[in-house]
Amino acid sequence: STTPKQRPIELSPSDDKVYGENKSDPDPPLPLYWNNDIIQQPVNVTMLPQWYTDAATHFMNQSIVNQQPFFLYMAFHQTHHPQFASSRFFNTSQRGMFGDALREMDYNLGLIMQFIKNHGVDNQTLVIFTSDNGPSLMRHSRGGNPGPLKCGKGTTYEGGMRIPAALRMPSFIQSRVSRELASTLDILPTIAELVDVALPTDRYYDGVSMYSWLFEHGHSKRDTIYYWPKSPWPDLFERQQSLQAIRVNQWKLRWIKQGSHCSNNYADVDCRSNQKETLLTEPMLINLYHDVGEAYPIMNISEPYYARIVDEINAKWKEILHTDIHDR
């Protein structure tokens, strides 16, 4: 038996491997796990980047030696709060602890990329580098920076939902910068098509394959992004307010304003938690190609040109309403 602070990670399926912290219990001291075994408690967090990288390269090396395809999901703690850095990187940047943590993550990512090159699988390995959400503005300068984007983590503004992404597979993906739409939801069907594996047909997938866009110089199959709030249940499909905005191509239509505690203390009051869920008297239409900061909504959306765009976006909402929830 184990105490709550020593609760083992439940694995599904049982042959999955995991190396890292178990954050299911918020109380310190956090243990470090190797699969179901606690190997250190409390954790020396300044050593985690090196240990994670060592575990990743060990796993890849075993797969390469055994001539087995591999899938590695690696999530560095940096630059999430609280930031930390080993003695090698501590106080080495002009960006404070956030910059130190970012430099160390960059260094260890470089080690992984160099490992792939040195072992001759560079051209056979798709590398996806991305994030899960925008900056946590409640942490001030240690929470990241949205740049020109509006608000941050926890909101459905671009600063909360838009994330960086880089995909690399030499000899197969042509180097370029693209404005086309993609989502982390698209990773699963993309990998499935890449390795020629058929996905089960007994469920609905919100993602689409990016294969033709990445590898055949085509276009993204995704033209729509849905901006759901953090907790849309229980009446998800009973009131339109559950969905706060929809983007189709460069046009974003918003009918709900809401801030988040993750963006508290930020200069823009729309971002803060005291900006409660509010249904707008008239939806806001934004051209994100012209106004990435969502500062200048179209003044008269009833004009025929803009009205057609609004109708097209509303049609995307109706597609969701007419999808059986049990299929999703």
Protein backbone atom coordinates (compact mmCIF):
# COMPACT_ATOMS: atom_id res chain seq x y z
CA SER A 1 0.00 0.00 0.00
CA THR A 2 1.07 3.60 -0.49
CA THR A 3 0.27 6.89 1.17
CA PRO A 4 -1.59 9.54 -0.88
CA LYS A 5 1.72 11.31 -1.50
CA GLN A 6 3.17 8.09 -2.89
CA ARG A 7 0.29 7.18 -5.16
CA PRO A 8 1.58 5.32 -8.21
CA ILE A 9 0.72 6.54 -11.69
CA GLU A 10 -1.99 4.48 -13.32
CA LEU A 11 -0.89 3.38 -16.77
CA SER A 12 -3.17 2.49 -19.65
CA PRO A 13 -2.34 0.27 -21.37
CA SER A 14 -0.12 -1.44 -18.85
CA ASP A 15 2.94 -1.56 -21.13
CA ASP A 16 3.14 2.25 -21.52
CA LYS A 17 6.27 3.76 -20.00
CA VAL A 18 6.44 6.97 -18.02
CA TYR A 19 9.22 8.93 -16.37
CA GLY A 20 8.41 12.07 -14.42
CA GLU A 21 6.47 13.75 -11.63
CA ASN A 22 3.00 12.69 -10.46
CA LYS A 23 1.02 15.87 -9.88
CA SER A 24 -2.22 14.13 -8.91
CA ASP A 25 -1.63 15.16 -5.30
CA PRO A 26 -0.92 18.89 -4.84
CA ASP A 27 0.88 18.52 -1.53
CA PRO A 28 4.69 18.37 -1.45
CA PRO A 29 6.99 16.59 -1.54
CA LEU A 30 6.49 15.48 -5.13
CA PRO A 31 7.94 12.07 -5.97
CA LEU A 32 9.85 11.16 -9.11
CA TYR A 33 8.58 7.98 -10.78
CA TRP A 34 10.05 5.43 -13.12
CA ASN A 35 6.83 3.79 -14.27
CA ASN A 36 5.22 2.67 -10.97
CA ASP A 37 8.35 2.97 -8.83
CA ILE A 38 9.27 6.04 -6.80
CA ILE A 39 12.97 6.65 -7.35
CA GLN A 40 13.30 10.00 -5.56
CA GLN A 41 11.26 11.98 -3.06
CA PRO A 42 11.41 14.94 -2.79
CA VAL A 43 12.50 15.62 -6.34
CA ASN A 44 15.65 17.59 -7.13
CA VAL A 45 13.90 19.70 -9.75
CA THR A 46 17.11 21.29 -11.03
CA MET A 47 18.15 17.88 -12.35
CA LEU A 48 14.87 17.10 -14.12
CA PRO A 49 15.83 18.47 -17.57
CA GLN A 50 18.94 16.27 -17.69
CA TRP A 51 17.11 13.23 -16.35
CA TYR A 52 14.23 13.67 -18.78
CA THR A 53 16.64 14.00 -21.68
CA ASP A 54 18.62 10.94 -20.55
CA ALA A 55 15.40 8.92 -20.29
CA ALA A 56 14.26 10.08 -23.73
CA THR A 57 17.53 9.23 -25.48
CA HIS A 58 17.71 5.87 -23.67
CA PHE A 59 14.22 5.00 -24.90
CA MET A 60 15.00 6.05 -28.47
CA ASN A 61 18.31 4.18 -28.44
CA GLN A 62 16.59 0.95 -27.36
CA SER A 63 14.04 1.36 -30.16
CA ILE A 64 16.74 2.03 -32.77
CA VAL A 65 18.87 -0.93 -31.64
CA ASN A 66 15.82 -3.20 -31.82
CA GLN A 67 14.81 -1.68 -35.18
CA GLN A 68 11.43 -0.69 -33.80
CA PRO A 69 9.45 2.44 -34.69
CA PHE A 70 9.01 4.69 -31.68
CA PHE A 71 6.69 7.39 -30.41
CA LEU A 72 8.14 9.76 -27.81
CA TYR A 73 5.99 12.33 -26.03
CA MET A 74 8.21 14.66 -24.02
CA ALA A 75 6.94 17.57 -21.92
CA PHE A 76 9.57 19.69 -20.22
CA HIS A 77 8.51 21.44 -17.04
CA GLN A 78 10.13 24.62 -18.36
CA THR A 79 8.89 27.26 -18.81
CA HIS A 80 5.85 26.57 -16.66
CA HIS A 81 5.66 28.19 -13.22
CA PRO A 82 7.56 27.73 -10.98
CA GLN A 83 10.61 28.09 -13.20
CA PHE A 84 13.95 26.61 -12.24
CA ALA A 85 17.33 26.05 -13.84
CA SER A 86 20.38 23.94 -13.07
CA SER A 87 23.62 25.60 -11.95
CA ARG A 88 24.84 25.54 -15.55
CA PHE A 89 22.02 27.83 -16.71
CA PHE A 90 21.07 29.71 -13.55
CA ASN A 91 21.40 33.50 -13.95
CA THR A 92 22.78 33.20 -17.50
CA SER A 93 20.06 35.10 -19.42
CA GLN A 94 18.80 38.67 -19.44
CA ARG A 95 15.22 37.40 -19.12
CA GLY A 96 15.53 36.31 -15.48
CA MET A 97 14.44 32.86 -14.32
CA PHE A 98 12.05 32.51 -17.25
CA GLY A 99 14.93 33.06 -19.67
CA ASP A 100 17.22 30.70 -17.73
CA ALA A 101 14.59 27.95 -17.87
CA LEU A 102 13.99 28.60 -21.56
CA ARG A 103 17.71 28.37 -22.34
CA GLU A 104 17.98 25.06 -20.53
CA MET A 105 14.97 23.64 -22.35
CA ASP A 106 16.44 24.80 -25.66
CA TYR A 107 19.77 23.14 -24.82
CA ASN A 108 18.18 19.79 -23.94
CA LEU A 109 15.96 19.88 -27.00
CA GLY A 110 19.14 20.37 -29.00
CA LEU A 111 20.64 17.26 -27.39
CA ILE A 112 17.62 15.22 -28.46
CA MET A 113 17.76 16.55 -32.01
CA GLN A 114 21.49 15.82 -32.19
CA PHE A 115 20.87 12.28 -30.93
CA ILE A 116 18.39 11.68 -33.76
CA LYS A 117 20.90 12.96 -36.31
CA ASN A 118 23.83 11.00 -34.90
CA HIS A 119 21.88 7.74 -34.99
CA GLY A 120 20.86 8.06 -38.62
CA VAL A 121 17.09 8.41 -38.13
CA ASP A 122 16.83 12.14 -38.82
CA ASN A 123 15.03 11.70 -42.14
CA GLN A 124 12.74 9.04 -40.69
CA THR A 125 11.58 10.97 -37.64
CA LEU A 126 8.77 13.51 -37.56
CA VAL A 127 9.47 16.04 -34.80
CA ILE A 128 6.59 18.21 -33.56
CA PHE A 129 7.36 21.08 -31.21
CA THR A 130 4.36 22.89 -29.77
CA SER A 131 2.58 23.96 -26.59
CA ASP A 132 -0.81 23.59 -24.91
CA ASN A 133 -1.88 27.19 -24.24
CA GLY A 134 -0.78 30.79 -24.10
CA PRO A 135 1.16 32.54 -21.31
CA SER A 136 -0.02 32.63 -17.69
CA LEU A 137 -0.19 36.41 -17.32
CA MET A 138 -0.98 36.22 -13.59
CA ARG A 139 2.72 35.35 -13.18
CA HIS A 140 3.74 38.67 -14.73
CA SER A 141 7.12 38.48 -16.50
CA ARG A 142 7.59 34.88 -15.30
CA GLY A 143 4.44 33.73 -17.03
CA GLY A 144 5.46 34.38 -20.61
CA ASN A 145 4.44 37.06 -23.08
CA PRO A 146 1.61 37.02 -25.65
CA GLY A 147 3.32 39.58 -27.86
CA PRO A 148 0.70 41.26 -30.09
CA LEU A 149 -1.99 38.72 -29.17
CA LYS A 150 -4.84 39.59 -26.81
CA CYS A 151 -4.92 38.14 -23.26
CA GLY A 152 -3.43 34.79 -22.26
CA LYS A 153 -4.02 31.38 -20.72
CA GLY A 154 -7.56 30.48 -19.75
CA THR A 155 -9.23 32.80 -22.26
CA THR A 156 -10.58 32.24 -25.76
CA TYR A 157 -8.73 35.26 -27.12
CA GLU A 158 -5.81 34.57 -29.43
CA GLY A 159 -3.29 34.97 -26.60
CA GLY A 160 -4.91 32.07 -24.78
CA MET A 161 -5.52 29.69 -27.67
CA ARG A 162 -2.92 30.38 -30.35
CA ILE A 163 0.37 28.56 -29.80
CA PRO A 164 3.68 28.20 -31.64
CA ALA A 165 4.33 25.08 -33.64
CA ALA A 166 7.25 23.74 -35.66
CA LEU A 167 7.25 20.43 -37.54
CA ARG A 168 10.41 18.91 -38.97
CA MET A 169 11.19 15.90 -41.11
CA PRO A 170 14.14 16.59 -43.44
CA SER A 171 13.78 15.48 -47.06
CA PHE A 172 10.02 15.27 -46.60
CA ILE A 173 8.82 18.61 -45.21
CA GLN A 174 9.85 21.66 -47.21
CA SER A 175 11.10 24.54 -45.05
CA ARG A 176 8.50 27.32 -44.98
CA VAL A 177 6.36 29.50 -42.76
CA SER A 178 2.62 28.94 -43.15
CA ARG A 179 -0.47 30.88 -42.08
CA GLU A 180 -2.78 27.94 -42.63
CA LEU A 181 -4.79 26.57 -39.73
CA ALA A 182 -3.93 23.51 -37.69
CA SER A 183 -4.74 22.17 -34.24
CA THR A 184 -3.17 19.71 -31.83
CA LEU A 185 -6.34 17.72 -32.52
CA ASP A 186 -4.84 17.08 -35.96
CA ILE A 187 -1.71 15.31 -34.69
CA LEU A 188 -3.37 11.92 -34.22
CA PRO A 189 -4.88 11.58 -37.73
CA THR A 190 -1.68 12.99 -39.27
CA ILE A 191 0.54 10.40 -37.62
CA ALA A 192 -1.95 7.66 -38.45
CA GLU A 193 -1.81 8.53 -42.16
CA LEU A 194 1.98 8.93 -42.06
CA VAL A 195 2.49 5.39 -40.71
CA ASP A 196 -0.42 3.98 -42.78
CA VAL A 197 -2.58 2.93 -39.84
CA ALA A 198 -6.36 3.11 -40.11
CA LEU A 199 -8.09 4.79 -37.17
CA PRO A 200 -11.09 3.02 -35.58
CA THR A 201 -14.33 3.94 -37.31
CA ASP A 202 -16.61 3.63 -34.27
CA ARG A 203 -16.04 7.20 -33.05
CA TYR A 204 -15.96 10.83 -34.20
CA TYR A 205 -12.62 12.62 -34.64
CA ASP A 206 -12.33 16.37 -34.25
CA GLY A 207 -8.92 16.33 -35.95
CA VAL A 208 -8.05 16.15 -39.63
CA SER A 209 -4.88 14.82 -41.22
CA MET A 210 -2.24 17.41 -42.12
CA TYR A 211 -0.42 14.91 -44.35
CA SER A 212 -1.11 16.47 -47.76
CA TRP A 213 -0.31 19.96 -46.44
CA LEU A 214 2.98 18.91 -44.83
CA PHE A 215 4.30 16.32 -47.26
CA GLU A 216 2.60 16.99 -50.60
CA HIS A 217 2.70 20.83 -50.68
CA GLY A 218 -1.09 20.98 -50.53
CA HIS A 219 -3.31 23.05 -48.27
CA SER A 220 -4.55 22.43 -44.75
CA LYS A 221 -7.85 20.58 -44.56
CA ARG A 222 -8.75 22.67 -41.51
CA ASP A 223 -10.50 25.97 -42.08
CA THR A 224 -12.27 26.23 -38.71
CA ILE A 225 -11.24 26.64 -35.07
CA TYR A 226 -13.79 26.42 -32.25
CA TYR A 227 -13.09 28.45 -29.10
CA TRP A 228 -14.57 26.57 -26.16
CA PRO A 229 -14.34 27.96 -22.61
CA LYS A 230 -12.54 26.06 -19.88
CA SER A 231 -15.68 24.39 -18.46
CA PRO A 232 -18.50 24.32 -21.06
CA TRP A 233 -20.52 21.52 -19.44
CA PRO A 234 -23.19 20.56 -18.47
CA ASP A 235 -25.34 22.25 -21.12
CA LEU A 236 -22.80 22.19 -23.93
CA PHE A 237 -25.26 21.62 -26.76
CA GLU A 238 -28.27 23.35 -25.26
CA ARG A 239 -27.15 26.98 -25.39
CA GLN A 240 -24.97 28.73 -27.92
CA GLN A 241 -23.17 30.58 -25.10
CA SER A 242 -21.18 27.43 -24.35
CA LEU A 243 -19.12 28.20 -27.45
CA GLN A 244 -17.53 31.64 -27.18
CA ALA A 245 -16.15 32.15 -30.69
CA ILE A 246 -15.52 30.47 -34.04
CA ARG A 247 -12.80 31.19 -36.56
CA VAL A 248 -13.22 30.37 -40.26
CA ASN A 249 -10.10 31.13 -42.30
CA GLN A 250 -9.01 34.62 -41.17
CA TRP A 251 -12.42 35.62 -39.75
CA LYS A 252 -13.26 35.21 -36.07
CA LEU A 253 -16.78 35.74 -34.75
CA ARG A 254 -17.18 36.21 -30.99
CA TRP A 255 -20.42 36.40 -29.04
CA ILE A 256 -19.12 35.77 -25.50
CA LYS A 257 -16.57 37.79 -23.50
CA GLN A 258 -14.91 36.16 -20.50
CA GLY A 259 -11.61 36.57 -18.65
CA SER A 260 -9.63 34.11 -16.54
CA HIS A 261 -7.76 34.07 -13.24
CA CYS A 262 -4.75 32.89 -15.25
CA SER A 263 -4.67 36.35 -16.84
CA ASN A 264 -5.30 38.38 -13.68
CA ASN A 265 -3.37 41.62 -13.09
CA TYR A 266 -2.87 42.11 -16.83
CA ALA A 267 -3.31 45.62 -18.21
CA ASP A 268 -6.21 44.61 -20.48
CA VAL A 269 -9.24 44.31 -18.19
CA ASP A 270 -10.98 41.95 -20.66
CA CYS A 271 -8.45 39.30 -19.64
CA ARG A 272 -9.10 39.27 -15.89
CA SER A 273 -11.31 36.91 -13.91
CA ASN A 274 -13.71 39.71 -12.90
CA GLN A 275 -14.70 39.88 -16.57
CA LYS A 276 -17.46 37.33 -16.14
CA GLU A 277 -19.09 35.39 -18.96
CA THR A 278 -21.04 38.04 -20.85
CA LEU A 279 -23.23 37.59 -23.91
CA LEU A 280 -22.56 40.46 -26.31
CA THR A 281 -25.52 42.43 -27.64
CA GLU A 282 -23.99 42.07 -31.11
CA PRO A 283 -21.30 39.56 -32.12
CA MET A 284 -17.79 40.88 -32.77
CA LEU A 285 -16.28 40.06 -36.17
CA ILE A 286 -12.48 40.27 -36.41
CA ASN A 287 -10.20 39.92 -39.42
CA LEU A 288 -7.21 38.23 -37.77
CA TYR A 289 -5.01 38.83 -40.80
CA HIS A 290 -5.41 42.58 -40.24
CA ASP A 291 -6.00 42.67 -36.48
CA VAL A 292 -4.25 39.86 -34.62
CA GLY A 293 -4.70 41.78 -31.35
CA GLU A 294 -8.53 41.65 -31.66
CA ALA A 295 -8.71 45.40 -30.99
CA TYR A 296 -10.71 46.63 -33.98
CA PRO A 297 -13.92 44.66 -34.65
CA ILE A 298 -15.76 45.27 -37.90
CA MET A 299 -18.13 48.18 -37.25
CA ASN A 300 -21.15 47.12 -39.30
CA ILE A 301 -21.48 43.36 -39.70
CA SER A 302 -24.92 43.77 -41.28
CA GLU A 303 -23.38 45.02 -44.53
CA PRO A 304 -23.88 42.36 -47.23
CA TYR A 305 -20.16 41.45 -47.53
CA TYR A 306 -19.72 40.88 -43.80
CA ALA A 307 -23.19 39.39 -43.37
CA ARG A 308 -22.21 36.56 -45.74
CA ILE A 309 -19.11 35.88 -43.62
CA VAL A 310 -21.22 35.81 -40.44
CA ASP A 311 -23.66 33.39 -42.07
CA GLU A 312 -20.79 31.11 -43.09
CA ILE A 313 -19.44 31.05 -39.54
CA ASN A 314 -22.88 30.42 -38.05
CA ALA A 315 -23.24 27.48 -40.42
CA LYS A 316 -20.16 25.95 -38.77
CA TRP A 317 -21.91 26.23 -35.41
CA LYS A 318 -24.97 24.46 -36.79
CA GLU A 319 -22.72 21.60 -37.95
CA ILE A 320 -21.79 20.95 -34.33
CA LEU A 321 -25.39 21.19 -33.13
CA HIS A 322 -26.40 18.54 -35.66
CA THR A 323 -23.64 16.13 -34.65
CA ASP A 324 -24.81 13.38 -32.29
CA ILE A 325 -22.99 13.98 -28.99
CA HIS A 326 -22.57 10.20 -28.56
CA ASP A 327 -20.55 10.13 -31.79
CA ARG A 328 -17.99 12.59 -30.44
